Every structure is written in structure tokens, then in C-alpha cells.
PDB file of all heavy atoms in Angstrom:
ATOM      1  N   MET A   1     -74.872  42.933 -36.359  1.00  0.00           N
ATOM      2  CA  MET A   1     -74.591  41.691 -35.646  1.00  0.00           C
ATOM      3  C   MET A   1     -73.195  41.672 -35.051  1.00  0.00           C
ATOM      4  O   MET A   1     -72.989  41.189 -33.938  1.00  0.00           O
ATOM      5  CB  MET A   1     -74.839  40.460 -36.536  1.00  0.00           C
ATOM      6  CG  MET A   1     -74.091  40.403 -37.830  1.00  0.00           C
ATOM      7  SD  MET A   1     -75.071  41.154 -39.128  1.00  0.00           S
ATOM      8  CE  MET A   1     -73.988  40.922 -40.540  1.00  0.00           C
ATOM      9  N   MET A   2     -72.228  42.260 -35.742  1.00  0.00           N
ATOM     10  CA  MET A   2     -70.874  42.298 -35.203  1.00  0.00           C
ATOM     11  C   MET A   2     -70.751  43.402 -34.158  1.00  0.00           C
ATOM     12  O   MET A   2     -70.186  43.179 -33.081  1.00  0.00           O
ATOM     13  CB  MET A   2     -69.840  42.518 -36.300  1.00  0.00           C
ATOM     14  CG  MET A   2     -68.430  42.606 -35.765  1.00  0.00           C
ATOM     15  SD  MET A   2     -67.198  42.650 -37.044  1.00  0.00           S
ATOM     16  CE  MET A   2     -66.412  41.082 -36.742  1.00  0.00           C
ATOM     17  N   THR A   3     -71.284  44.567 -34.434  1.00  0.00           N
ATOM     18  CA  THR A   3     -71.179  45.695 -33.523  1.00  0.00           C
ATOM     19  C   THR A   3     -71.774  45.354 -32.155  1.00  0.00           C
ATOM     20  O   THR A   3     -71.134  45.562 -31.117  1.00  0.00           O
ATOM     21  CB  THR A   3     -71.900  46.929 -34.109  1.00  0.00           C
ATOM     22  OG1 THR A   3     -71.337  47.216 -35.399  1.00  0.00           O
ATOM     23  CG2 THR A   3     -71.803  48.128 -33.211  1.00  0.00           C
ATOM     24  N   ILE A   4     -72.965  44.819 -32.135  1.00  0.00           N
ATOM     25  CA  ILE A   4     -73.646  44.473 -30.875  1.00  0.00           C
ATOM     26  C   ILE A   4     -72.893  43.370 -30.146  1.00  0.00           C
ATOM     27  O   ILE A   4     -72.680  43.447 -28.920  1.00  0.00           O
ATOM     28  CB  ILE A   4     -75.112  44.060 -31.157  1.00  0.00           C
ATOM     29  CG1 ILE A   4     -75.910  45.245 -31.659  1.00  0.00           C
ATOM     30  CG2 ILE A   4     -75.750  43.451 -29.906  1.00  0.00           C
ATOM     31  CD1 ILE A   4     -77.262  44.888 -32.254  1.00  0.00           C
ATOM     32  N   SER A   5     -72.454  42.365 -30.891  1.00  0.00           N
ATOM     33  CA  SER A   5     -71.751  41.241 -30.273  1.00  0.00           C
ATOM     34  C   SER A   5     -70.431  41.668 -29.641  1.00  0.00           C
ATOM     35  O   SER A   5     -70.071  41.236 -28.549  1.00  0.00           O
ATOM     36  CB  SER A   5     -71.492  40.131 -31.307  1.00  0.00           C
ATOM     37  OG  SER A   5     -72.718  39.635 -31.786  1.00  0.00           O
ATOM     38  N   MET A   6     -69.701  42.554 -30.317  1.00  0.00           N
ATOM     39  CA  MET A   6     -68.415  43.010 -29.789  1.00  0.00           C
ATOM     40  C   MET A   6     -68.623  43.887 -28.539  1.00  0.00           C
ATOM     41  O   MET A   6     -67.821  43.806 -27.602  1.00  0.00           O
ATOM     42  CB  MET A   6     -67.622  43.762 -30.849  1.00  0.00           C
ATOM     43  CG  MET A   6     -67.182  42.871 -32.004  1.00  0.00           C
ATOM     44  SD  MET A   6     -66.379  41.321 -31.505  1.00  0.00           S
ATOM     45  CE  MET A   6     -64.894  41.934 -30.709  1.00  0.00           C
ATOM     46  N   LYS A   7     -69.694  44.651 -28.495  1.00  0.00           N
ATOM     47  CA  LYS A   7     -69.970  45.431 -27.295  1.00  0.00           C
ATOM     48  C   LYS A   7     -70.293  44.516 -26.128  1.00  0.00           C
ATOM     49  O   LYS A   7     -69.892  44.784 -24.983  1.00  0.00           O
ATOM     50  CB  LYS A   7     -71.118  46.410 -27.550  1.00  0.00           C
ATOM     51  CG  LYS A   7     -70.682  47.607 -28.380  1.00  0.00           C
ATOM     52  CD  LYS A   7     -71.801  48.600 -28.582  1.00  0.00           C
ATOM     53  CE  LYS A   7     -71.284  49.747 -29.446  1.00  0.00           C
ATOM     54  NZ  LYS A   7     -72.292  50.748 -29.695  1.00  0.00           N
ATOM     55  N   GLU A   8     -71.010  43.428 -26.390  1.00  0.00           N
ATOM     56  CA  GLU A   8     -71.296  42.456 -25.325  1.00  0.00           C
ATOM     57  C   GLU A   8     -69.989  41.822 -24.816  1.00  0.00           C
ATOM     58  O   GLU A   8     -69.810  41.683 -23.612  1.00  0.00           O
ATOM     59  CB  GLU A   8     -72.203  41.335 -25.859  1.00  0.00           C
ATOM     60  CG  GLU A   8     -73.651  41.683 -25.875  1.00  0.00           C
ATOM     61  CD  GLU A   8     -74.521  40.513 -26.318  1.00  0.00           C
ATOM     62  OE1 GLU A   8     -74.001  39.372 -26.472  1.00  0.00           O
ATOM     63  OE2 GLU A   8     -75.719  40.737 -26.528  1.00  0.00           O
ATOM     64  N   ILE A   9     -69.124  41.438 -25.714  1.00  0.00           N
ATOM     65  CA  ILE A   9     -67.838  40.836 -25.325  1.00  0.00           C
ATOM     66  C   ILE A   9     -67.049  41.832 -24.483  1.00  0.00           C
ATOM     67  O   ILE A   9     -66.449  41.460 -23.476  1.00  0.00           O
ATOM     68  CB  ILE A   9     -67.032  40.391 -26.573  1.00  0.00           C
ATOM     69  CG1 ILE A   9     -67.682  39.153 -27.217  1.00  0.00           C
ATOM     70  CG2 ILE A   9     -65.582  40.117 -26.233  1.00  0.00           C
ATOM     71  CD1 ILE A   9     -67.593  37.885 -26.409  1.00  0.00           C
ATOM     72  N   GLU A  10     -67.022  43.092 -24.878  1.00  0.00           N
ATOM     73  CA  GLU A  10     -66.291  44.108 -24.107  1.00  0.00           C
ATOM     74  C   GLU A  10     -66.849  44.231 -22.690  1.00  0.00           C
ATOM     75  O   GLU A  10     -66.077  44.387 -21.751  1.00  0.00           O
ATOM     76  CB  GLU A  10     -66.379  45.465 -24.808  1.00  0.00           C
ATOM     77  CG  GLU A  10     -65.491  45.562 -26.025  1.00  0.00           C
ATOM     78  CD  GLU A  10     -65.637  46.883 -26.754  1.00  0.00           C
ATOM     79  OE1 GLU A  10     -66.072  47.890 -26.114  1.00  0.00           O
ATOM     80  OE2 GLU A  10     -65.329  46.923 -27.944  1.00  0.00           O
ATOM     81  N   ARG A  11     -68.149  44.129 -22.535  1.00  0.00           N
ATOM     82  CA  ARG A  11     -68.749  44.198 -21.188  1.00  0.00           C
ATOM     83  C   ARG A  11     -68.392  42.966 -20.363  1.00  0.00           C
ATOM     84  O   ARG A  11     -68.232  43.048 -19.146  1.00  0.00           O
ATOM     85  CB  ARG A  11     -70.264  44.336 -21.280  1.00  0.00           C
ATOM     86  CG  ARG A  11     -70.735  45.733 -21.592  1.00  0.00           C
ATOM     87  CD  ARG A  11     -72.239  45.901 -21.363  1.00  0.00           C
ATOM     88  NE  ARG A  11     -73.029  44.940 -22.097  1.00  0.00           N
ATOM     89  CZ  ARG A  11     -73.511  45.124 -23.334  1.00  0.00           C
ATOM     90  NH1 ARG A  11     -73.253  46.220 -23.983  1.00  0.00           N
ATOM     91  NH2 ARG A  11     -74.235  44.193 -23.912  1.00  0.00           N
ATOM     92  N   GLU A  12     -68.312  41.814 -20.998  1.00  0.00           N
ATOM     93  CA  GLU A  12     -68.033  40.560 -20.304  1.00  0.00           C
ATOM     94  C   GLU A  12     -66.548  40.352 -20.044  1.00  0.00           C
ATOM     95  O   GLU A  12     -66.173  39.526 -19.198  1.00  0.00           O
ATOM     96  CB  GLU A  12     -68.563  39.378 -21.136  1.00  0.00           C
ATOM     97  CG  GLU A  12     -70.066  39.388 -21.322  1.00  0.00           C
ATOM     98  CD  GLU A  12     -70.548  38.388 -22.388  1.00  0.00           C
ATOM     99  OE1 GLU A  12     -69.692  37.743 -23.050  1.00  0.00           O
ATOM    100  OE2 GLU A  12     -71.756  38.266 -22.558  1.00  0.00           O
ATOM    101  N   LEU A  13     -65.698  41.063 -20.754  1.00  0.00           N
ATOM    102  CA  LEU A  13     -64.251  40.841 -20.712  1.00  0.00           C
ATOM    103  C   LEU A  13     -63.634  40.876 -19.331  1.00  0.00           C
ATOM    104  O   LEU A  13     -62.866  39.975 -18.981  1.00  0.00           O
ATOM    105  CB  LEU A  13     -63.555  41.857 -21.638  1.00  0.00           C
ATOM    106  CG  LEU A  13     -62.123  41.567 -21.997  1.00  0.00           C
ATOM    107  CD1 LEU A  13     -61.985  40.226 -22.692  1.00  0.00           C
ATOM    108  CD2 LEU A  13     -61.568  42.662 -22.864  1.00  0.00           C
ATOM    109  N   PRO A  14     -63.953  41.854 -18.464  1.00  0.00           N
ATOM    110  CA  PRO A  14     -63.327  41.866 -17.139  1.00  0.00           C
ATOM    111  C   PRO A  14     -63.567  40.583 -16.349  1.00  0.00           C
ATOM    112  O   PRO A  14     -62.665  40.072 -15.695  1.00  0.00           O
ATOM    113  CB  PRO A  14     -63.961  43.078 -16.450  1.00  0.00           C
ATOM    114  CG  PRO A  14     -64.361  43.975 -17.563  1.00  0.00           C
ATOM    115  CD  PRO A  14     -64.788  43.045 -18.669  1.00  0.00           C
ATOM    116  N   LYS A  15     -64.771  40.045 -16.426  1.00  0.00           N
ATOM    117  CA  LYS A  15     -65.096  38.803 -15.713  1.00  0.00           C
ATOM    118  C   LYS A  15     -64.269  37.645 -16.237  1.00  0.00           C
ATOM    119  O   LYS A  15     -63.703  36.859 -15.466  1.00  0.00           O
ATOM    120  CB  LYS A  15     -66.600  38.506 -15.861  1.00  0.00           C
ATOM    121  CG  LYS A  15     -67.052  37.198 -15.247  1.00  0.00           C
ATOM    122  CD  LYS A  15     -68.533  36.962 -15.451  1.00  0.00           C
ATOM    123  CE  LYS A  15     -68.824  36.723 -16.922  1.00  0.00           C
ATOM    124  NZ  LYS A  15     -70.195  36.346 -17.237  1.00  0.00           N
ATOM    125  N   PHE A  16     -64.159  37.527 -17.559  1.00  0.00           N
ATOM    126  CA  PHE A  16     -63.419  36.420 -18.146  1.00  0.00           C
ATOM    127  C   PHE A  16     -61.911  36.538 -17.886  1.00  0.00           C
ATOM    128  O   PHE A  16     -61.254  35.554 -17.575  1.00  0.00           O
ATOM    129  CB  PHE A  16     -63.639  36.354 -19.658  1.00  0.00           C
ATOM    130  CG  PHE A  16     -65.038  35.920 -20.025  1.00  0.00           C
ATOM    131  CD1 PHE A  16     -65.826  36.729 -20.814  1.00  0.00           C
ATOM    132  CD2 PHE A  16     -65.562  34.724 -19.567  1.00  0.00           C
ATOM    133  CE1 PHE A  16     -67.115  36.352 -21.137  1.00  0.00           C
ATOM    134  CE2 PHE A  16     -66.836  34.333 -19.899  1.00  0.00           C
ATOM    135  CZ  PHE A  16     -67.616  35.141 -20.693  1.00  0.00           C
ATOM    136  N   ILE A  17     -61.390  37.752 -17.990  1.00  0.00           N
ATOM    137  CA  ILE A  17     -59.956  37.913 -17.782  1.00  0.00           C
ATOM    138  C   ILE A  17     -59.576  37.646 -16.334  1.00  0.00           C
ATOM    139  O   ILE A  17     -58.533  37.038 -16.056  1.00  0.00           O
ATOM    140  CB  ILE A  17     -59.445  39.282 -18.274  1.00  0.00           C
ATOM    141  CG1 ILE A  17     -57.940  39.201 -18.519  1.00  0.00           C
ATOM    142  CG2 ILE A  17     -59.758  40.401 -17.333  1.00  0.00           C
ATOM    143  CD1 ILE A  17     -57.393  40.299 -19.376  1.00  0.00           C
ATOM    144  N   GLU A  18     -60.426  38.045 -15.404  1.00  0.00           N
ATOM    145  CA  GLU A  18     -60.151  37.766 -13.997  1.00  0.00           C
ATOM    146  C   GLU A  18     -60.105  36.263 -13.738  1.00  0.00           C
ATOM    147  O   GLU A  18     -59.199  35.756 -13.082  1.00  0.00           O
ATOM    148  CB  GLU A  18     -61.201  38.420 -13.102  1.00  0.00           C
ATOM    149  CG  GLU A  18     -60.938  38.206 -11.627  1.00  0.00           C
ATOM    150  CD  GLU A  18     -61.983  38.867 -10.742  1.00  0.00           C
ATOM    151  OE1 GLU A  18     -62.678  39.779 -11.191  1.00  0.00           O
ATOM    152  OE2 GLU A  18     -62.082  38.440  -9.579  1.00  0.00           O
ATOM    153  N   LYS A  19     -61.073  35.557 -14.299  1.00  0.00           N
ATOM    154  CA  LYS A  19     -61.116  34.100 -14.125  1.00  0.00           C
ATOM    155  C   LYS A  19     -59.869  33.447 -14.709  1.00  0.00           C
ATOM    156  O   LYS A  19     -59.260  32.580 -14.080  1.00  0.00           O
ATOM    157  CB  LYS A  19     -62.375  33.552 -14.818  1.00  0.00           C
ATOM    158  CG  LYS A  19     -62.506  32.059 -14.768  1.00  0.00           C
ATOM    159  CD  LYS A  19     -63.729  31.591 -15.531  1.00  0.00           C
ATOM    160  CE  LYS A  19     -63.744  30.076 -15.621  1.00  0.00           C
ATOM    161  NZ  LYS A  19     -64.354  29.592 -16.810  1.00  0.00           N
ATOM    162  N   LYS A  20     -59.475  33.867 -15.895  1.00  0.00           N
ATOM    163  CA  LYS A  20     -58.295  33.281 -16.550  1.00  0.00           C
ATOM    164  C   LYS A  20     -57.014  33.643 -15.814  1.00  0.00           C
ATOM    165  O   LYS A  20     -56.098  32.831 -15.748  1.00  0.00           O
ATOM    166  CB  LYS A  20     -58.218  33.731 -18.005  1.00  0.00           C
ATOM    167  CG  LYS A  20     -59.289  33.116 -18.869  1.00  0.00           C
ATOM    168  CD  LYS A  20     -59.105  31.618 -18.935  1.00  0.00           C
ATOM    169  CE  LYS A  20     -60.081  30.972 -19.843  1.00  0.00           C
ATOM    170  NZ  LYS A  20     -59.914  29.528 -19.917  1.00  0.00           N
ATOM    171  N   GLN A  21     -56.935  34.842 -15.253  1.00  0.00           N
ATOM    172  CA  GLN A  21     -55.749  35.230 -14.481  1.00  0.00           C
ATOM    173  C   GLN A  21     -55.599  34.360 -13.237  1.00  0.00           C
ATOM    174  O   GLN A  21     -54.499  33.919 -12.896  1.00  0.00           O
ATOM    175  CB  GLN A  21     -55.819  36.702 -14.082  1.00  0.00           C
ATOM    176  CG  GLN A  21     -55.556  37.652 -15.216  1.00  0.00           C
ATOM    177  CD  GLN A  21     -55.794  39.091 -14.812  1.00  0.00           C
ATOM    178  OE1 GLN A  21     -56.597  39.390 -13.932  1.00  0.00           O
ATOM    179  NE2 GLN A  21     -55.116  40.000 -15.455  1.00  0.00           N
ATOM    180  N   VAL A  22     -56.707  34.100 -12.566  1.00  0.00           N
ATOM    181  CA  VAL A  22     -56.672  33.249 -11.367  1.00  0.00           C
ATOM    182  C   VAL A  22     -56.213  31.848 -11.755  1.00  0.00           C
ATOM    183  O   VAL A  22     -55.377  31.245 -11.075  1.00  0.00           O
ATOM    184  CB  VAL A  22     -58.063  33.218 -10.689  1.00  0.00           C
ATOM    185  CG1 VAL A  22     -58.131  32.125  -9.628  1.00  0.00           C
ATOM    186  CG2 VAL A  22     -58.361  34.585 -10.060  1.00  0.00           C
ATOM    187  N   GLU A  23     -56.722  31.330 -12.877  1.00  0.00           N
ATOM    188  CA  GLU A  23     -56.296  30.003 -13.340  1.00  0.00           C
ATOM    189  C   GLU A  23     -54.794  29.975 -13.628  1.00  0.00           C
ATOM    190  O   GLU A  23     -54.094  29.037 -13.236  1.00  0.00           O
ATOM    191  CB  GLU A  23     -57.065  29.606 -14.607  1.00  0.00           C
ATOM    192  CG  GLU A  23     -58.500  29.262 -14.367  1.00  0.00           C
ATOM    193  CD  GLU A  23     -59.274  29.016 -15.668  1.00  0.00           C
ATOM    194  OE1 GLU A  23     -58.632  28.922 -16.752  1.00  0.00           O
ATOM    195  OE2 GLU A  23     -60.515  28.920 -15.606  1.00  0.00           O
ATOM    196  N   LEU A  24     -54.296  31.015 -14.288  1.00  0.00           N
ATOM    197  CA  LEU A  24     -52.863  31.097 -14.597  1.00  0.00           C
ATOM    198  C   LEU A  24     -52.036  31.152 -13.325  1.00  0.00           C
ATOM    199  O   LEU A  24     -51.049  30.430 -13.191  1.00  0.00           O
ATOM    200  CB  LEU A  24     -52.559  32.306 -15.474  1.00  0.00           C
ATOM    201  CG  LEU A  24     -51.074  32.543 -15.785  1.00  0.00           C
ATOM    202  CD1 LEU A  24     -50.484  31.391 -16.581  1.00  0.00           C
ATOM    203  CD2 LEU A  24     -50.882  33.872 -16.507  1.00  0.00           C
ATOM    204  N   LEU A  25     -52.424  32.002 -12.387  1.00  0.00           N
ATOM    205  CA  LEU A  25     -51.688  32.094 -11.121  1.00  0.00           C
ATOM    206  C   LEU A  25     -51.683  30.774 -10.363  1.00  0.00           C
ATOM    207  O   LEU A  25     -50.669  30.366  -9.816  1.00  0.00           O
ATOM    208  CB  LEU A  25     -52.261  33.207 -10.238  1.00  0.00           C
ATOM    209  CG  LEU A  25     -51.924  34.631 -10.677  1.00  0.00           C
ATOM    210  CD1 LEU A  25     -52.693  35.642  -9.860  1.00  0.00           C
ATOM    211  CD2 LEU A  25     -50.433  34.883 -10.600  1.00  0.00           C
ATOM    212  N   ASN A  26     -52.815  30.088 -10.353  1.00  0.00           N
ATOM    213  CA  ASN A  26     -52.870  28.779  -9.692  1.00  0.00           C
ATOM    214  C   ASN A  26     -51.928  27.797 -10.362  1.00  0.00           C
ATOM    215  O   ASN A  26     -51.239  27.015  -9.699  1.00  0.00           O
ATOM    216  CB  ASN A  26     -54.297  28.222  -9.694  1.00  0.00           C
ATOM    217  CG  ASN A  26     -55.181  28.884  -8.663  1.00  0.00           C
ATOM    218  OD1 ASN A  26     -54.687  29.386  -7.653  1.00  0.00           O
ATOM    219  ND2 ASN A  26     -56.478  28.887  -8.909  1.00  0.00           N
ATOM    220  N   GLN A  27     -51.864  27.810 -11.693  1.00  0.00           N
ATOM    221  CA  GLN A  27     -50.976  26.926 -12.410  1.00  0.00           C
ATOM    222  C   GLN A  27     -49.523  27.248 -12.080  1.00  0.00           C
ATOM    223  O   GLN A  27     -48.723  26.348 -11.835  1.00  0.00           O
ATOM    224  CB  GLN A  27     -51.201  27.028 -13.928  1.00  0.00           C
ATOM    225  CG  GLN A  27     -52.504  26.435 -14.368  1.00  0.00           C
ATOM    226  CD  GLN A  27     -52.801  26.725 -15.830  1.00  0.00           C
ATOM    227  OE1 GLN A  27     -52.137  27.542 -16.456  1.00  0.00           O
ATOM    228  NE2 GLN A  27     -53.818  26.066 -16.362  1.00  0.00           N
TER     229      GLN A  27
END
């Protein structure tokens, strides 16, 4: 359950970090 979930998070990470970076730059 942890191994699979962490692999999913790793795949999703670029999308989330890009969104958060844009929010930070806008701020």
C-alpha cells in the first residue's frame, strides 16, 4: 500500500510542483 502509493505520488509530482511554482511566482 505504501510502495504503490509513493510511486503514484512520484508520477504526479511534476504536475503538482509546476502548479505550486506558478502560484508562488504570481504571489
